[in-house]
Amino acid sequence: MDSVPFLLPVAIMLIRIVDVSLDTVRVIMLFRGRKITAACLGFFEVSIWLIAITAIVSRVNNWLNIVFYGLGFAAGNIVGMFIEGKMAVGQQVVRFISSEEGEKISRILRSKGFGVTEVVASGLAGPVGLGLAIAPRKKVPSLIEVIQEADPKAVVTVEDVRHTNISQYYEPVRKFELFKYFKGK
């Protein structure tokens, strides 16, 4: 690798991107309560990190290695967040406050299969409709879209949920859903 000056720095950067991406996803899984997944990702992450750090420490006098190590770290954070965003693991609670259309929003959401809890609340200008819906993260964008179509002035907030027994309202996603295609369903 020493005969091609950019090969080792690029390899270090690519290894670091993989390592930090795994670490980013691992930390997010840990916060979501997925301990086993986080532990498995941690094993691979630290193994890959060891390869990268060995390459850089053995050739610490090459400033390109150091620069590309840092670039790999920065890019790995972005890649890791992108991967986690695509995975969209977990549940979120969507809260909406509407001064005029609270009941209408709840009715529309229920017709689309979302569970909604309504609360009568008081706002600055009087009574408001307050609704809470817990949904899988992958469905939250469509839920928000429905709310904004029904009332563009509605205030919408989204929070992560660490634990819920939501499966009583939604059919849970099976871990090995891929196998249903082999059963002919």
N, C-alpha and C. Protein backbone atom coordinates (compact mmCIF):
# COMPACT_ATOMS: atom_id res chain seq x y z
N MET A 1 0.81 -1.20 0.00
CA MET A 1 0.00 0.00 0.00
C MET A 1 0.85 1.26 0.00
N ASP A 2 2.11 1.14 0.42
CA ASP A 2 2.97 2.32 0.47
C ASP A 2 3.36 2.80 -0.91
N SER A 3 3.27 1.94 -1.94
CA SER A 3 3.65 2.35 -3.28
C SER A 3 2.62 3.31 -3.89
N VAL A 4 1.39 3.24 -3.46
CA VAL A 4 0.34 4.16 -3.91
C VAL A 4 -0.02 5.04 -2.71
N PRO A 5 0.43 6.32 -2.72
CA PRO A 5 0.32 7.16 -1.52
C PRO A 5 -1.11 7.39 -1.01
N PHE A 6 -2.11 7.39 -1.89
CA PHE A 6 -3.47 7.66 -1.44
C PHE A 6 -4.25 6.41 -1.06
N LEU A 7 -3.71 5.25 -1.35
CA LEU A 7 -4.45 4.01 -1.09
C LEU A 7 -4.70 3.78 0.40
N LEU A 8 -3.67 3.90 1.22
CA LEU A 8 -3.84 3.67 2.66
C LEU A 8 -4.75 4.72 3.30
N PRO A 9 -4.56 6.02 3.03
CA PRO A 9 -5.48 7.00 3.63
C PRO A 9 -6.94 6.77 3.23
N VAL A 10 -7.17 6.42 1.97
CA VAL A 10 -8.55 6.16 1.52
C VAL A 10 -9.10 4.91 2.21
N ALA A 11 -8.26 3.88 2.34
CA ALA A 11 -8.69 2.67 3.04
C ALA A 11 -9.02 2.98 4.50
N ILE A 12 -8.19 3.79 5.15
CA ILE A 12 -8.45 4.19 6.54
C ILE A 12 -9.78 4.93 6.63
N MET A 13 -10.02 5.84 5.69
CA MET A 13 -11.27 6.60 5.71
C MET A 13 -12.48 5.68 5.53
N LEU A 14 -12.41 4.76 4.58
CA LEU A 14 -13.53 3.85 4.34
C LEU A 14 -13.80 2.95 5.55
N ILE A 15 -12.72 2.45 6.15
CA ILE A 15 -12.86 1.62 7.35
C ILE A 15 -13.50 2.44 8.47
N ARG A 16 -13.07 3.67 8.59
CA ARG A 16 -13.60 4.54 9.64
C ARG A 16 -15.08 4.88 9.40
N ILE A 17 -15.46 5.06 8.15
CA ILE A 17 -16.87 5.32 7.83
C ILE A 17 -17.73 4.15 8.30
N VAL A 18 -17.28 2.93 8.00
CA VAL A 18 -18.03 1.74 8.42
C VAL A 18 -18.09 1.66 9.94
N ASP A 19 -16.95 1.86 10.58
CA ASP A 19 -16.84 1.79 12.04
C ASP A 19 -17.76 2.80 12.73
N VAL A 20 -17.70 4.05 12.31
CA VAL A 20 -18.50 5.10 12.96
C VAL A 20 -19.98 4.95 12.62
N SER A 21 -20.29 4.50 11.41
CA SER A 21 -21.69 4.25 11.06
C SER A 21 -22.29 3.20 11.98
N LEU A 22 -21.54 2.12 12.19
CA LEU A 22 -22.00 1.07 13.11
C LEU A 22 -22.17 1.64 14.52
N ASP A 23 -21.22 2.47 14.94
CA ASP A 23 -21.29 3.06 16.28
C ASP A 23 -22.51 3.96 16.42
N THR A 24 -22.80 4.75 15.41
CA THR A 24 -23.95 5.65 15.46
C THR A 24 -25.24 4.85 15.59
N VAL A 25 -25.38 3.83 14.76
CA VAL A 25 -26.57 2.98 14.83
C VAL A 25 -26.63 2.25 16.17
N ARG A 26 -25.48 1.80 16.66
CA ARG A 26 -25.41 1.09 17.95
C ARG A 26 -25.93 1.97 19.09
N VAL A 27 -25.47 3.21 19.13
CA VAL A 27 -25.89 4.12 20.20
C VAL A 27 -27.39 4.37 20.13
N ILE A 28 -27.91 4.56 18.94
CA ILE A 28 -29.34 4.79 18.78
C ILE A 28 -30.13 3.56 19.21
N MET A 29 -29.64 2.38 18.85
CA MET A 29 -30.31 1.14 19.28
C MET A 29 -30.29 1.01 20.80
N LEU A 30 -29.20 1.42 21.41
CA LEU A 30 -29.08 1.38 22.86
C LEU A 30 -30.13 2.29 23.51
N PHE A 31 -30.29 3.48 22.97
CA PHE A 31 -31.29 4.41 23.51
C PHE A 31 -32.71 3.92 23.28
N ARG A 32 -32.91 3.10 22.28
CA ARG A 32 -34.24 2.56 21.99
C ARG A 32 -34.51 1.26 22.74
N GLY A 33 -33.54 0.86 23.58
CA GLY A 33 -33.75 -0.33 24.40
C GLY A 33 -33.42 -1.64 23.71
N ARG A 34 -32.76 -1.59 22.57
CA ARG A 34 -32.40 -2.80 21.82
C ARG A 34 -31.00 -3.24 22.24
N LYS A 35 -30.89 -3.85 23.42
CA LYS A 35 -29.60 -4.16 24.03
C LYS A 35 -28.80 -5.19 23.24
N ILE A 36 -29.44 -6.26 22.81
CA ILE A 36 -28.74 -7.33 22.09
C ILE A 36 -28.22 -6.81 20.74
N THR A 37 -29.06 -6.08 20.03
CA THR A 37 -28.64 -5.49 18.75
C THR A 37 -27.46 -4.56 18.97
N ALA A 38 -27.53 -3.73 20.01
CA ALA A 38 -26.44 -2.80 20.31
C ALA A 38 -25.15 -3.54 20.65
N ALA A 39 -25.26 -4.62 21.40
CA ALA A 39 -24.06 -5.39 21.76
C ALA A 39 -23.42 -6.03 20.53
N CYS A 40 -24.23 -6.59 19.65
CA CYS A 40 -23.69 -7.21 18.42
C CYS A 40 -23.02 -6.16 17.54
N LEU A 41 -23.68 -5.02 17.36
CA LEU A 41 -23.08 -3.94 16.57
C LEU A 41 -21.78 -3.46 17.21
N GLY A 42 -21.76 -3.39 18.54
CA GLY A 42 -20.56 -2.97 19.26
C GLY A 42 -19.38 -3.89 19.01
N PHE A 43 -19.63 -5.19 18.95
CA PHE A 43 -18.57 -6.15 18.67
C PHE A 43 -17.93 -5.86 17.31
N PHE A 44 -18.76 -5.73 16.28
CA PHE A 44 -18.22 -5.48 14.94
C PHE A 44 -17.59 -4.09 14.85
N GLU A 45 -18.21 -3.11 15.49
CA GLU A 45 -17.69 -1.74 15.44
C GLU A 45 -16.29 -1.66 16.03
N VAL A 46 -16.08 -2.24 17.20
CA VAL A 46 -14.77 -2.14 17.84
C VAL A 46 -13.73 -2.98 17.10
N SER A 47 -14.15 -4.07 16.49
CA SER A 47 -13.21 -4.88 15.70
C SER A 47 -12.73 -4.09 14.48
N ILE A 48 -13.64 -3.42 13.83
CA ILE A 48 -13.27 -2.61 12.66
C ILE A 48 -12.44 -1.40 13.09
N TRP A 49 -12.80 -0.79 14.21
CA TRP A 49 -12.03 0.35 14.73
C TRP A 49 -10.59 -0.06 15.01
N LEU A 50 -10.40 -1.26 15.53
CA LEU A 50 -9.05 -1.74 15.84
C LEU A 50 -8.20 -1.82 14.57
N ILE A 51 -8.79 -2.24 13.47
CA ILE A 51 -8.07 -2.29 12.19
C ILE A 51 -7.66 -0.88 11.78
N ALA A 52 -8.59 0.07 11.88
CA ALA A 52 -8.29 1.46 11.47
C ALA A 52 -7.23 2.08 12.35
N ILE A 53 -7.33 1.91 13.66
CA ILE A 53 -6.38 2.55 14.57
C ILE A 53 -4.99 1.93 14.43
N THR A 54 -4.94 0.63 14.16
CA THR A 54 -3.64 -0.03 13.94
C THR A 54 -2.96 0.56 12.71
N ALA A 55 -3.72 0.76 11.64
CA ALA A 55 -3.16 1.32 10.41
C ALA A 55 -2.66 2.74 10.64
N ILE A 56 -3.35 3.52 11.42
CA ILE A 56 -2.94 4.92 11.61
C ILE A 56 -1.78 5.04 12.58
N VAL A 57 -1.78 4.24 13.64
CA VAL A 57 -0.70 4.33 14.63
C VAL A 57 0.61 3.84 14.05
N SER A 58 0.56 2.83 13.20
CA SER A 58 1.80 2.31 12.61
C SER A 58 2.40 3.28 11.59
N ARG A 59 1.60 4.24 11.12
CA ARG A 59 2.10 5.23 10.15
C ARG A 59 1.65 6.64 10.55
N VAL A 60 1.86 6.98 11.81
CA VAL A 60 1.37 8.25 12.34
C VAL A 60 2.11 9.45 11.74
N ASN A 61 3.25 9.24 11.14
CA ASN A 61 4.01 10.34 10.55
C ASN A 61 3.42 10.81 9.22
N ASN A 62 2.48 10.08 8.65
CA ASN A 62 1.84 10.48 7.40
C ASN A 62 0.60 11.30 7.73
N TRP A 63 0.65 12.60 7.48
CA TRP A 63 -0.45 13.49 7.82
C TRP A 63 -1.72 13.17 7.04
N LEU A 64 -1.59 12.59 5.85
CA LEU A 64 -2.77 12.21 5.07
C LEU A 64 -3.60 11.15 5.80
N ASN A 65 -2.91 10.22 6.45
CA ASN A 65 -3.62 9.19 7.22
C ASN A 65 -4.48 9.83 8.30
N ILE A 66 -3.93 10.83 8.98
CA ILE A 66 -4.65 11.50 10.06
C ILE A 66 -5.85 12.28 9.52
N VAL A 67 -5.64 13.00 8.41
CA VAL A 67 -6.73 13.77 7.81
C VAL A 67 -7.86 12.84 7.35
N PHE A 68 -7.50 11.75 6.68
CA PHE A 68 -8.51 10.83 6.17
C PHE A 68 -9.20 10.06 7.30
N TYR A 69 -8.50 9.84 8.40
CA TYR A 69 -9.10 9.23 9.59
C TYR A 69 -10.21 10.14 10.11
N GLY A 70 -9.90 11.43 10.20
CA GLY A 70 -10.90 12.41 10.64
C GLY A 70 -12.07 12.54 9.67
N LEU A 71 -11.77 12.53 8.37
CA LEU A 71 -12.84 12.60 7.36
C LEU A 71 -13.75 11.38 7.47
N GLY A 72 -13.15 10.22 7.70
CA GLY A 72 -13.94 9.00 7.87
C GLY A 72 -14.86 9.08 9.07
N PHE A 73 -14.36 9.69 10.15
CA PHE A 73 -15.19 9.86 11.35
C PHE A 73 -16.39 10.75 11.05
N ALA A 74 -16.13 11.89 10.40
CA ALA A 74 -17.21 12.84 10.09
C ALA A 74 -18.24 12.21 9.15
N ALA A 75 -17.75 11.58 8.09
CA ALA A 75 -18.66 10.95 7.12
C ALA A 75 -19.42 9.78 7.75
N GLY A 76 -18.77 9.06 8.64
CA GLY A 76 -19.41 7.92 9.31
C GLY A 76 -20.61 8.34 10.14
N ASN A 77 -20.53 9.50 10.78
CA ASN A 77 -21.67 10.01 11.55
C ASN A 77 -22.86 10.27 10.64
N ILE A 78 -22.60 10.89 9.51
CA ILE A 78 -23.68 11.19 8.56
C ILE A 78 -24.28 9.91 8.00
N VAL A 79 -23.42 8.98 7.59
CA VAL A 79 -23.89 7.71 7.03
C VAL A 79 -24.68 6.93 8.09
N GLY A 80 -24.20 6.91 9.32
CA GLY A 80 -24.89 6.20 10.39
C GLY A 80 -26.28 6.76 10.66
N MET A 81 -26.40 8.09 10.67
CA MET A 81 -27.71 8.70 10.89
C MET A 81 -28.65 8.42 9.73
N PHE A 82 -28.09 8.41 8.51
CA PHE A 82 -28.90 8.10 7.33
C PHE A 82 -29.44 6.67 7.41
N ILE A 83 -28.56 5.73 7.77
CA ILE A 83 -28.96 4.32 7.90
C ILE A 83 -30.06 4.18 8.95
N GLU A 84 -29.85 4.79 10.11
CA GLU A 84 -30.84 4.68 11.18
C GLU A 84 -32.17 5.30 10.77
N GLY A 85 -32.10 6.40 10.05
CA GLY A 85 -33.33 7.03 9.57
C GLY A 85 -34.10 6.14 8.62
N LYS A 86 -33.40 5.40 7.79
CA LYS A 86 -34.05 4.47 6.87
C LYS A 86 -34.62 3.27 7.62
N MET A 87 -33.94 2.84 8.68
CA MET A 87 -34.44 1.72 9.48
C MET A 87 -35.71 2.11 10.23
N ALA A 88 -35.75 3.33 10.73
CA ALA A 88 -36.91 3.89 11.46
C ALA A 88 -37.44 2.91 12.51
N VAL A 89 -36.57 2.51 13.41
CA VAL A 89 -36.94 1.57 14.46
C VAL A 89 -37.68 2.28 15.58
N GLY A 90 -38.72 1.67 16.09
CA GLY A 90 -39.38 2.19 17.27
C GLY A 90 -40.71 2.86 17.01
N GLN A 91 -41.24 3.44 18.06
CA GLN A 91 -42.53 4.11 18.06
C GLN A 91 -42.34 5.59 18.39
N GLN A 92 -43.28 6.40 17.95
CA GLN A 92 -43.27 7.81 18.31
C GLN A 92 -44.68 8.23 18.69
N VAL A 93 -44.77 9.21 19.56
CA VAL A 93 -46.07 9.79 19.89
C VAL A 93 -46.17 11.12 19.16
N VAL A 94 -47.26 11.28 18.44
CA VAL A 94 -47.53 12.52 17.72
C VAL A 94 -48.64 13.24 18.47
N ARG A 95 -48.37 14.48 18.83
CA ARG A 95 -49.34 15.30 19.56
C ARG A 95 -49.76 16.43 18.64
N PHE A 96 -51.05 16.65 18.54
CA PHE A 96 -51.52 17.79 17.75
C PHE A 96 -52.48 18.63 18.58
N ILE A 97 -52.40 19.93 18.35
CA ILE A 97 -53.29 20.88 19.01
C ILE A 97 -53.95 21.70 17.91
N SER A 98 -55.27 21.68 17.92
CA SER A 98 -56.02 22.41 16.89
C SER A 98 -57.12 23.23 17.56
N SER A 99 -57.18 24.49 17.19
CA SER A 99 -58.19 25.36 17.81
C SER A 99 -59.58 25.12 17.23
N GLU A 100 -59.66 24.54 16.03
CA GLU A 100 -60.98 24.38 15.40
C GLU A 100 -61.27 22.98 14.88
N GLU A 101 -60.25 22.23 14.52
CA GLU A 101 -60.48 20.97 13.80
C GLU A 101 -60.05 19.72 14.56
N GLY A 102 -59.95 19.77 15.87
CA GLY A 102 -59.46 18.63 16.65
C GLY A 102 -60.24 17.35 16.43
N GLU A 103 -61.57 17.43 16.51
CA GLU A 103 -62.41 16.24 16.32
C GLU A 103 -62.31 15.72 14.89
N LYS A 104 -62.27 16.63 13.94
CA LYS A 104 -62.17 16.24 12.52
C LYS A 104 -60.85 15.50 12.28
N ILE A 105 -59.76 16.03 12.81
CA ILE A 105 -58.45 15.38 12.65
C ILE A 105 -58.48 13.98 13.25
N SER A 106 -59.02 13.86 14.45
CA SER A 106 -59.10 12.55 15.11
C SER A 106 -59.92 11.57 14.29
N ARG A 107 -61.04 12.02 13.78
CA ARG A 107 -61.92 11.16 12.96
C ARG A 107 -61.19 10.68 11.70
N ILE A 108 -60.50 11.59 11.03
CA ILE A 108 -59.78 11.22 9.80
C ILE A 108 -58.65 10.23 10.12
N LEU A 109 -57.90 10.51 11.19
CA LEU A 109 -56.81 9.60 11.56
C LEU A 109 -57.34 8.21 11.89
N ARG A 110 -58.45 8.14 12.61
CA ARG A 110 -59.04 6.84 12.94
C ARG A 110 -59.48 6.10 11.68
N SER A 111 -60.03 6.85 10.72
CA SER A 111 -60.47 6.21 9.47
C SER A 111 -59.29 5.65 8.68
N LYS A 112 -58.10 6.18 8.95
CA LYS A 112 -56.90 5.70 8.26
C LYS A 112 -56.14 4.66 9.09
N GLY A 113 -56.75 4.22 10.19
CA GLY A 113 -56.17 3.14 10.97
C GLY A 113 -55.29 3.56 12.13
N PHE A 114 -55.21 4.84 12.42
CA PHE A 114 -54.41 5.31 13.55
C PHE A 114 -55.28 5.38 14.80
N GLY A 115 -54.72 4.99 15.92
CA GLY A 115 -55.41 5.16 17.19
C GLY A 115 -55.14 6.57 17.71
N VAL A 116 -56.18 7.25 18.16
CA VAL A 116 -56.03 8.63 18.64
C VAL A 116 -56.75 8.76 19.98
N THR A 117 -56.09 9.41 20.92
CA THR A 117 -56.72 9.78 22.18
C THR A 117 -56.96 11.27 22.15
N GLU A 118 -58.21 11.67 22.38
CA GLU A 118 -58.56 13.09 22.36
C GLU A 118 -58.67 13.62 23.78
N VAL A 119 -58.24 14.85 23.95
CA VAL A 119 -58.33 15.53 25.24
C VAL A 119 -58.87 16.93 24.98
N VAL A 120 -59.82 17.35 25.78
CA VAL A 120 -60.30 18.73 25.69
C VAL A 120 -59.35 19.57 26.54
N ALA A 121 -58.81 20.59 25.94
CA ALA A 121 -57.82 21.42 26.63
C ALA A 121 -58.16 22.90 26.44
N SER A 122 -57.49 23.73 27.20
CA SER A 122 -57.68 25.18 27.08
C SER A 122 -56.40 25.80 26.56
N GLY A 123 -56.55 26.63 25.53
CA GLY A 123 -55.42 27.35 24.99
C GLY A 123 -55.52 28.82 25.34
N LEU A 124 -54.68 29.63 24.77
CA LEU A 124 -54.66 31.07 25.05
C LEU A 124 -55.99 31.73 24.69
N ALA A 125 -56.59 31.28 23.57
CA ALA A 125 -57.82 31.92 23.09
C ALA A 125 -59.07 31.11 23.42
N GLY A 126 -58.96 30.09 24.25
CA GLY A 126 -60.14 29.29 24.60
C GLY A 126 -59.90 27.80 24.40
N PRO A 127 -61.00 27.04 24.25
CA PRO A 127 -60.87 25.58 24.12
C PRO A 127 -60.16 25.17 22.83
N VAL A 128 -59.36 24.11 22.95
CA VAL A 128 -58.65 23.55 21.79
C VAL A 128 -58.79 22.03 21.84
N GLY A 129 -58.63 21.42 20.68
CA GLY A 129 -58.59 19.97 20.62
C GLY A 129 -57.15 19.51 20.70
N LEU A 130 -56.90 18.57 21.60
CA LEU A 130 -55.56 18.00 21.78
C LEU A 130 -55.67 16.52 21.49
N GLY A 131 -54.86 16.04 20.57
CA GLY A 131 -54.89 14.62 20.22
C GLY A 131 -53.52 13.99 20.35
N LEU A 132 -53.51 12.74 20.77
CA LEU A 132 -52.27 11.97 20.91
C LEU A 132 -52.41 10.69 20.11
N ALA A 133 -51.40 10.39 19.33
CA ALA A 133 -51.40 9.14 18.56
C ALA A 133 -50.01 8.52 18.65
N ILE A 134 -49.96 7.24 18.97
CA ILE A 134 -48.69 6.51 18.98
C ILE A 134 -48.65 5.67 17.72
N ALA A 135 -47.54 5.77 16.99
CA ALA A 135 -47.44 5.06 15.72
C ALA A 135 -46.00 4.61 15.48
N PRO A 136 -45.82 3.59 14.65
CA PRO A 136 -44.47 3.21 14.24
C PRO A 136 -43.80 4.39 13.53
N ARG A 137 -42.50 4.56 13.73
CA ARG A 137 -41.80 5.71 13.14
C ARG A 137 -41.98 5.80 11.63
N LYS A 138 -42.09 4.67 10.96
CA LYS A 138 -42.24 4.69 9.51
C LYS A 138 -43.57 5.30 9.07
N LYS A 139 -44.57 5.26 9.96
CA LYS A 139 -45.89 5.80 9.61
C LYS A 139 -46.09 7.24 10.05
N VAL A 140 -45.18 7.78 10.83
CA VAL A 140 -45.34 9.14 11.37
C VAL A 140 -45.42 10.21 10.28
N PRO A 141 -44.60 10.17 9.22
CA PRO A 141 -44.74 11.21 8.19
C PRO A 141 -46.13 11.25 7.56
N SER A 142 -46.74 10.09 7.31
CA SER A 142 -48.08 10.10 6.73
C SER A 142 -49.11 10.59 7.74
N LEU A 143 -48.91 10.29 9.01
CA LEU A 143 -49.80 10.78 10.07
C LEU A 143 -49.75 12.31 10.14
N ILE A 144 -48.55 12.86 10.10
CA ILE A 144 -48.39 14.33 10.14
C ILE A 144 -49.02 14.97 8.91
N GLU A 145 -48.86 14.33 7.77
CA GLU A 145 -49.43 14.85 6.53
C GLU A 145 -50.96 14.94 6.63
N VAL A 146 -51.58 13.92 7.20
CA VAL A 146 -53.04 13.93 7.38
C VAL A 146 -53.46 15.08 8.29
N ILE A 147 -52.73 15.27 9.37
CA ILE A 147 -53.05 16.35 10.32
C ILE A 147 -52.94 17.71 9.62
N GLN A 148 -51.86 17.92 8.88
CA GLN A 148 -51.65 19.22 8.23
C GLN A 148 -52.63 19.48 7.10
N GLU A 149 -53.09 18.41 6.44
CA GLU A 149 -54.11 18.60 5.41
C GLU A 149 -55.45 19.00 6.03
N ALA A 150 -55.78 18.39 7.17
CA ALA A 150 -57.05 18.69 7.84
C ALA A 150 -57.03 20.08 8.48
N ASP A 151 -55.89 20.48 9.02
CA ASP A 151 -55.78 21.80 9.66
C ASP A 151 -54.34 22.30 9.54
N PRO A 152 -54.07 23.11 8.53
CA PRO A 152 -52.70 23.62 8.33
C PRO A 152 -52.18 24.44 9.51
N LYS A 153 -53.08 24.95 10.36
CA LYS A 153 -52.66 25.75 11.52
C LYS A 153 -52.40 24.90 12.76
N ALA A 154 -52.66 23.61 12.68
CA ALA A 154 -52.48 22.74 13.86
C ALA A 154 -51.01 22.71 14.27
N VAL A 155 -50.79 22.71 15.57
CA VAL A 155 -49.44 22.57 16.12
C VAL A 155 -49.19 21.07 16.27
N VAL A 156 -48.07 20.60 15.72
CA VAL A 156 -47.75 19.17 15.75
C VAL A 156 -46.38 18.99 16.40
N THR A 157 -46.31 18.10 17.38
CA THR A 157 -45.02 17.74 17.98
C THR A 157 -44.87 16.23 17.92
N VAL A 158 -43.62 15.78 17.87
CA VAL A 158 -43.32 14.35 17.79
C VAL A 158 -42.26 14.03 18.83
N GLU A 159 -42.47 12.96 19.57
CA GLU A 159 -41.51 12.51 20.57
C GLU A 159 -41.27 11.02 20.42
N ASP A 160 -40.05 10.59 20.72
CA ASP A 160 -39.74 9.16 20.72
C ASP A 160 -40.36 8.50 21.94
N VAL A 161 -40.75 7.25 21.78
CA VAL A 161 -41.31 6.46 22.86
C VAL A 161 -40.34 5.32 23.13
N ARG A 162 -39.90 5.20 24.36
CA ARG A 162 -38.95 4.14 24.71
C ARG A 162 -39.63 2.78 24.82
N HIS A 163 -40.82 2.76 25.41
CA HIS A 163 -41.54 1.49 25.56
C HIS A 163 -43.04 1.74 25.45
N THR A 164 -43.73 0.80 24.83
CA THR A 164 -45.18 0.86 24.76
C THR A 164 -45.72 -0.54 24.53
N ASN A 165 -46.97 -0.74 24.90
CA ASN A 165 -47.64 -2.00 24.59
C ASN A 165 -48.59 -1.78 23.41
N ILE A 166 -48.14 -1.02 22.45
CA ILE A 166 -48.95 -0.60 21.31
C ILE A 166 -49.43 -1.77 20.46
N SER A 167 -48.81 -2.93 20.59
CA SER A 167 -49.19 -4.07 19.75
C SER A 167 -50.66 -4.44 19.95
N GLN A 168 -51.27 -4.01 21.04
CA GLN A 168 -52.70 -4.29 21.21
C GLN A 168 -53.55 -3.46 20.25
N TYR A 169 -52.97 -2.40 19.67
CA TYR A 169 -53.70 -1.57 18.73
C TYR A 169 -53.23 -1.75 17.29
N TYR A 170 -51.97 -2.07 17.11
CA TYR A 170 -51.42 -2.29 15.78
C TYR A 170 -50.91 -3.71 15.69
N GLU A 171 -51.02 -4.29 14.52
CA GLU A 171 -50.44 -5.61 14.33
C GLU A 171 -48.93 -5.44 14.30
N PRO A 172 -48.21 -6.10 15.20
CA PRO A 172 -46.76 -5.90 15.24
C PRO A 172 -46.09 -6.44 13.98
N VAL A 173 -44.99 -5.80 13.62
CA VAL A 173 -44.20 -6.26 12.48
C VAL A 173 -43.40 -7.47 12.93
N ARG A 174 -43.50 -8.53 12.19
CA ARG A 174 -42.79 -9.76 12.53
C ARG A 174 -41.31 -9.61 12.19
N LYS A 175 -40.45 -10.17 13.05
CA LYS A 175 -39.01 -10.06 12.83
C LYS A 175 -38.57 -10.75 11.56
N PHE A 176 -39.23 -11.85 11.22
CA PHE A 176 -38.83 -12.60 10.04
C PHE A 176 -39.93 -12.53 8.98
N GLU A 177 -40.40 -11.32 8.73
CA GLU A 177 -41.49 -11.11 7.79
C GLU A 177 -41.14 -11.57 6.38
N LEU A 178 -39.86 -11.62 6.07
CA LEU A 178 -39.41 -12.06 4.75
C LEU A 178 -39.89 -13.47 4.45
N PHE A 179 -39.99 -14.31 5.47
CA PHE A 179 -40.36 -15.70 5.26
C PHE A 179 -41.79 -15.86 4.77
N LYS A 180 -42.64 -14.86 4.95
CA LYS A 180 -44.01 -14.98 4.48
C LYS A 180 -44.06 -15.12 2.96
N TYR A 181 -43.06 -14.61 2.28
CA TYR A 181 -43.03 -14.71 0.83
C TYR A 181 -42.75 -16.15 0.37
N PHE A 182 -42.09 -16.92 1.22
CA PHE A 182 -41.80 -18.31 0.88
C PHE A 182 -42.98 -19.22 1.18
N LYS A 183 -43.92 -18.76 2.02
CA LYS A 183 -45.09 -19.55 2.37
C LYS A 183 -46.24 -19.33 1.40
N GLY A 184 -46.08 -18.39 0.48
CA GLY A 184 -47.11 -18.14 -0.51
C GLY A 184 -48.23 -17.24 -0.03
N LYS A 185 -48.03 -16.51 1.05
CA LYS A 185 -49.06 -15.60 1.56
C LYS A 185 -49.07 -14.32 0.79
